[in-house]
């Protein structure tokens, strides 16, 4: 995997994953302050979903980047 095989699509996937991860962490950090019961539920649910999105997108983008490197090298080793 090199930067030469990093396509714009994969870069966007990494950027969206980073944004989702930061959003999820921000929502979880908001739970340190006293908030209503409904907000606690909503923040937890949205934060967990955002972190899951970040994890899945990161794994998918890394796999695509790896496959692009294999294709550029002439096939799987």
N, C-alpha and C. Protein backbone atom coordinates (compact mmCIF):
# COMPACT_ATOMS: atom_id res chain seq x y z
N UNK A 1 0.84 -1.18 0.00
CA UNK A 1 0.00 0.00 0.00
C UNK A 1 0.89 1.24 0.00
N UNK A 2 0.71 2.03 -1.01
CA UNK A 2 1.45 3.28 -1.08
C UNK A 2 0.48 4.39 -1.42
N UNK A 3 0.92 5.60 -1.24
CA UNK A 3 0.05 6.74 -1.54
C UNK A 3 -0.30 6.82 -3.02
N UNK A 4 0.51 6.18 -3.86
CA UNK A 4 0.25 6.20 -5.30
C UNK A 4 -1.03 5.43 -5.63
N UNK A 5 -1.38 4.44 -4.80
CA UNK A 5 -2.58 3.65 -5.07
C UNK A 5 -3.80 4.15 -4.29
N UNK A 6 -3.67 5.30 -3.63
CA UNK A 6 -4.78 5.87 -2.86
C UNK A 6 -5.66 6.69 -3.80
N UNK A 7 -6.82 6.14 -4.14
CA UNK A 7 -7.72 6.84 -5.06
C UNK A 7 -8.54 7.88 -4.30
N UNK A 8 -9.14 8.84 -5.00
CA UNK A 8 -9.99 9.84 -4.35
C UNK A 8 -11.17 9.22 -3.61
N UNK A 9 -11.71 8.14 -4.13
CA UNK A 9 -12.84 7.47 -3.47
C UNK A 9 -12.43 6.95 -2.10
N UNK A 10 -11.27 6.34 -2.03
CA UNK A 10 -10.78 5.80 -0.76
C UNK A 10 -10.46 6.94 0.20
N UNK A 11 -9.92 8.01 -0.30
CA UNK A 11 -9.63 9.17 0.54
C UNK A 11 -10.91 9.74 1.15
N UNK A 12 -11.97 9.79 0.35
CA UNK A 12 -13.26 10.26 0.85
C UNK A 12 -13.79 9.32 1.93
N UNK A 13 -13.62 8.01 1.72
CA UNK A 13 -14.07 7.05 2.73
C UNK A 13 -13.33 7.26 4.05
N UNK A 14 -12.03 7.47 3.99
CA UNK A 14 -11.27 7.74 5.21
C UNK A 14 -11.72 9.05 5.86
N UNK A 15 -12.00 10.07 5.06
CA UNK A 15 -12.44 11.36 5.61
C UNK A 15 -13.80 11.23 6.30
N UNK A 16 -14.72 10.50 5.69
CA UNK A 16 -16.04 10.30 6.29
C UNK A 16 -15.91 9.48 7.57
N UNK A 17 -15.04 8.49 7.57
CA UNK A 17 -14.82 7.68 8.76
C UNK A 17 -14.26 8.53 9.90
N UNK A 18 -13.32 9.41 9.58
CA UNK A 18 -12.76 10.29 10.59
C UNK A 18 -13.82 11.23 11.15
N UNK A 19 -14.65 11.78 10.27
CA UNK A 19 -15.72 12.67 10.70
C UNK A 19 -16.72 11.94 11.60
N UNK A 20 -17.08 10.72 11.23
CA UNK A 20 -18.02 9.94 12.04
C UNK A 20 -17.41 9.61 13.40
N UNK A 21 -16.14 9.25 13.42
CA UNK A 21 -15.48 8.92 14.68
C UNK A 21 -15.41 10.15 15.60
N UNK A 22 -15.04 11.28 15.04
CA UNK A 22 -14.97 12.49 15.86
C UNK A 22 -16.35 12.90 16.36
N UNK A 23 -17.36 12.75 15.53
CA UNK A 23 -18.73 13.07 15.96
C UNK A 23 -19.18 12.15 17.08
N UNK A 24 -18.91 10.86 16.94
CA UNK A 24 -19.28 9.91 17.98
C UNK A 24 -18.57 10.18 19.29
N UNK A 25 -17.28 10.48 19.22
CA UNK A 25 -16.53 10.79 20.43
C UNK A 25 -17.03 12.09 21.07
N UNK A 26 -17.37 13.06 20.24
CA UNK A 26 -17.89 14.32 20.77
C UNK A 26 -19.21 14.09 21.50
N UNK A 27 -20.09 13.28 20.91
CA UNK A 27 -21.37 12.99 21.57
C UNK A 27 -21.15 12.26 22.88
N UNK A 28 -20.23 11.31 22.91
CA UNK A 28 -19.95 10.62 24.16
C UNK A 28 -19.37 11.55 25.21
N UNK A 29 -18.55 12.49 24.78
CA UNK A 29 -17.97 13.44 25.73
C UNK A 29 -19.04 14.38 26.30
N UNK A 30 -20.10 14.63 25.55
CA UNK A 30 -21.20 15.47 26.05
C UNK A 30 -21.95 14.81 27.20
N UNK A 31 -21.82 13.51 27.35
CA UNK A 31 -22.50 12.79 28.42
C UNK A 31 -21.84 13.00 29.78
N UNK A 32 -20.70 13.64 29.81
CA UNK A 32 -20.02 13.90 31.08
C UNK A 32 -20.74 14.99 31.87
N UNK A 33 -21.51 15.80 31.16
CA UNK A 33 -22.28 16.86 31.83
C UNK A 33 -23.69 16.34 32.08
N UNK A 34 -24.35 16.90 33.08
CA UNK A 34 -25.73 16.45 33.33
C UNK A 34 -26.66 16.84 32.18
N UNK A 35 -27.35 15.85 31.64
CA UNK A 35 -28.33 16.08 30.57
C UNK A 35 -29.56 15.24 30.89
N UNK A 36 -30.62 15.51 30.19
CA UNK A 36 -31.85 14.77 30.42
C UNK A 36 -31.76 13.32 29.99
N UNK A 37 -32.70 12.54 30.48
CA UNK A 37 -32.71 11.11 30.20
C UNK A 37 -32.86 10.82 28.70
N UNK A 38 -33.68 11.60 28.03
CA UNK A 38 -33.88 11.39 26.59
C UNK A 38 -32.60 11.70 25.82
N UNK A 39 -31.89 12.73 26.22
CA UNK A 39 -30.63 13.06 25.53
C UNK A 39 -29.57 12.00 25.77
N UNK A 40 -29.54 11.46 26.98
CA UNK A 40 -28.56 10.40 27.27
C UNK A 40 -28.79 9.23 26.31
N UNK A 41 -30.03 8.82 26.17
CA UNK A 41 -30.36 7.71 25.27
C UNK A 41 -29.98 8.04 23.83
N UNK A 42 -30.40 9.24 23.38
CA UNK A 42 -30.14 9.62 21.99
C UNK A 42 -28.64 9.77 21.73
N UNK A 43 -27.91 10.41 22.62
CA UNK A 43 -26.48 10.61 22.43
C UNK A 43 -25.75 9.27 22.39
N UNK A 44 -26.10 8.37 23.31
CA UNK A 44 -25.45 7.06 23.32
C UNK A 44 -25.72 6.30 22.02
N UNK A 45 -26.98 6.29 21.62
CA UNK A 45 -27.35 5.53 20.42
C UNK A 45 -26.66 6.10 19.18
N UNK A 46 -26.71 7.40 19.01
CA UNK A 46 -26.09 8.02 17.84
C UNK A 46 -24.57 7.86 17.88
N UNK A 47 -23.98 8.01 19.06
CA UNK A 47 -22.53 7.90 19.18
C UNK A 47 -22.05 6.50 18.84
N UNK A 48 -22.75 5.49 19.34
CA UNK A 48 -22.36 4.11 19.05
C UNK A 48 -22.51 3.83 17.56
N UNK A 49 -23.57 4.31 16.95
CA UNK A 49 -23.77 4.09 15.52
C UNK A 49 -22.70 4.82 14.70
N UNK A 50 -22.33 6.03 15.11
CA UNK A 50 -21.30 6.79 14.40
C UNK A 50 -19.94 6.10 14.53
N UNK A 51 -19.62 5.58 15.71
CA UNK A 51 -18.36 4.88 15.89
C UNK A 51 -18.33 3.57 15.10
N UNK A 52 -19.46 2.89 15.03
CA UNK A 52 -19.54 1.66 14.22
C UNK A 52 -19.35 1.99 12.74
N UNK A 53 -19.99 3.07 12.29
CA UNK A 53 -19.80 3.52 10.90
C UNK A 53 -18.34 3.81 10.63
N UNK A 54 -17.69 4.49 11.55
CA UNK A 54 -16.27 4.82 11.37
C UNK A 54 -15.42 3.56 11.27
N UNK A 55 -15.70 2.58 12.12
CA UNK A 55 -14.92 1.34 12.10
C UNK A 55 -15.11 0.59 10.79
N UNK A 56 -16.35 0.45 10.35
CA UNK A 56 -16.63 -0.29 9.12
C UNK A 56 -16.05 0.43 7.90
N UNK A 57 -16.23 1.74 7.85
CA UNK A 57 -15.69 2.49 6.71
C UNK A 57 -14.16 2.43 6.67
N UNK A 58 -13.53 2.49 7.83
CA UNK A 58 -12.07 2.42 7.87
C UNK A 58 -11.58 1.07 7.38
N UNK A 59 -12.24 0.00 7.85
CA UNK A 59 -11.84 -1.33 7.39
C UNK A 59 -12.08 -1.50 5.89
N UNK A 60 -13.19 -1.01 5.39
CA UNK A 60 -13.50 -1.12 3.97
C UNK A 60 -12.52 -0.31 3.12
N UNK A 61 -12.22 0.90 3.55
CA UNK A 61 -11.29 1.74 2.81
C UNK A 61 -9.89 1.13 2.81
N UNK A 62 -9.47 0.57 3.94
CA UNK A 62 -8.15 -0.07 4.01
C UNK A 62 -8.09 -1.28 3.09
N UNK A 63 -9.18 -2.06 3.04
CA UNK A 63 -9.21 -3.23 2.15
C UNK A 63 -9.16 -2.79 0.68
N UNK A 64 -9.93 -1.78 0.34
CA UNK A 64 -9.92 -1.29 -1.04
C UNK A 64 -8.55 -0.75 -1.42
N UNK A 65 -7.90 -0.06 -0.50
CA UNK A 65 -6.57 0.48 -0.75
C UNK A 65 -5.59 -0.67 -0.98
N UNK A 66 -5.71 -1.72 -0.18
CA UNK A 66 -4.84 -2.88 -0.34
C UNK A 66 -5.08 -3.56 -1.69
N UNK A 67 -6.34 -3.71 -2.06
CA UNK A 67 -6.65 -4.34 -3.34
C UNK A 67 -6.14 -3.49 -4.51
N UNK A 68 -6.24 -2.17 -4.40
CA UNK A 68 -5.70 -1.31 -5.45
C UNK A 68 -4.20 -1.50 -5.59
N UNK A 69 -3.51 -1.69 -4.47
CA UNK A 69 -2.07 -1.93 -4.51
C UNK A 69 -1.74 -3.25 -5.17
N UNK A 70 -2.55 -4.27 -4.91
CA UNK A 70 -2.32 -5.59 -5.53
C UNK A 70 -2.56 -5.52 -7.03
N UNK A 71 -3.61 -4.82 -7.43
CA UNK A 71 -3.92 -4.69 -8.85
C UNK A 71 -2.80 -3.93 -9.56
N UNK A 72 -2.31 -2.86 -8.93
CA UNK A 72 -1.24 -2.06 -9.53
C UNK A 72 0.05 -2.87 -9.64
N UNK A 73 0.23 -3.84 -8.72
CA UNK A 73 1.45 -4.65 -8.75
C UNK A 73 1.33 -5.83 -9.70
N UNK A 74 0.17 -6.01 -10.29
CA UNK A 74 0.01 -7.09 -11.26
C UNK A 74 -0.68 -8.32 -10.73
N UNK A 75 -1.39 -8.18 -9.64
CA UNK A 75 -2.14 -9.32 -9.09
C UNK A 75 -1.70 -9.66 -7.68
N UNK A 76 -2.43 -10.59 -7.09
CA UNK A 76 -2.13 -11.00 -5.72
C UNK A 76 -0.81 -11.75 -5.67
N UNK A 77 -0.10 -11.57 -4.57
CA UNK A 77 1.22 -12.20 -4.43
C UNK A 77 1.09 -13.66 -4.08
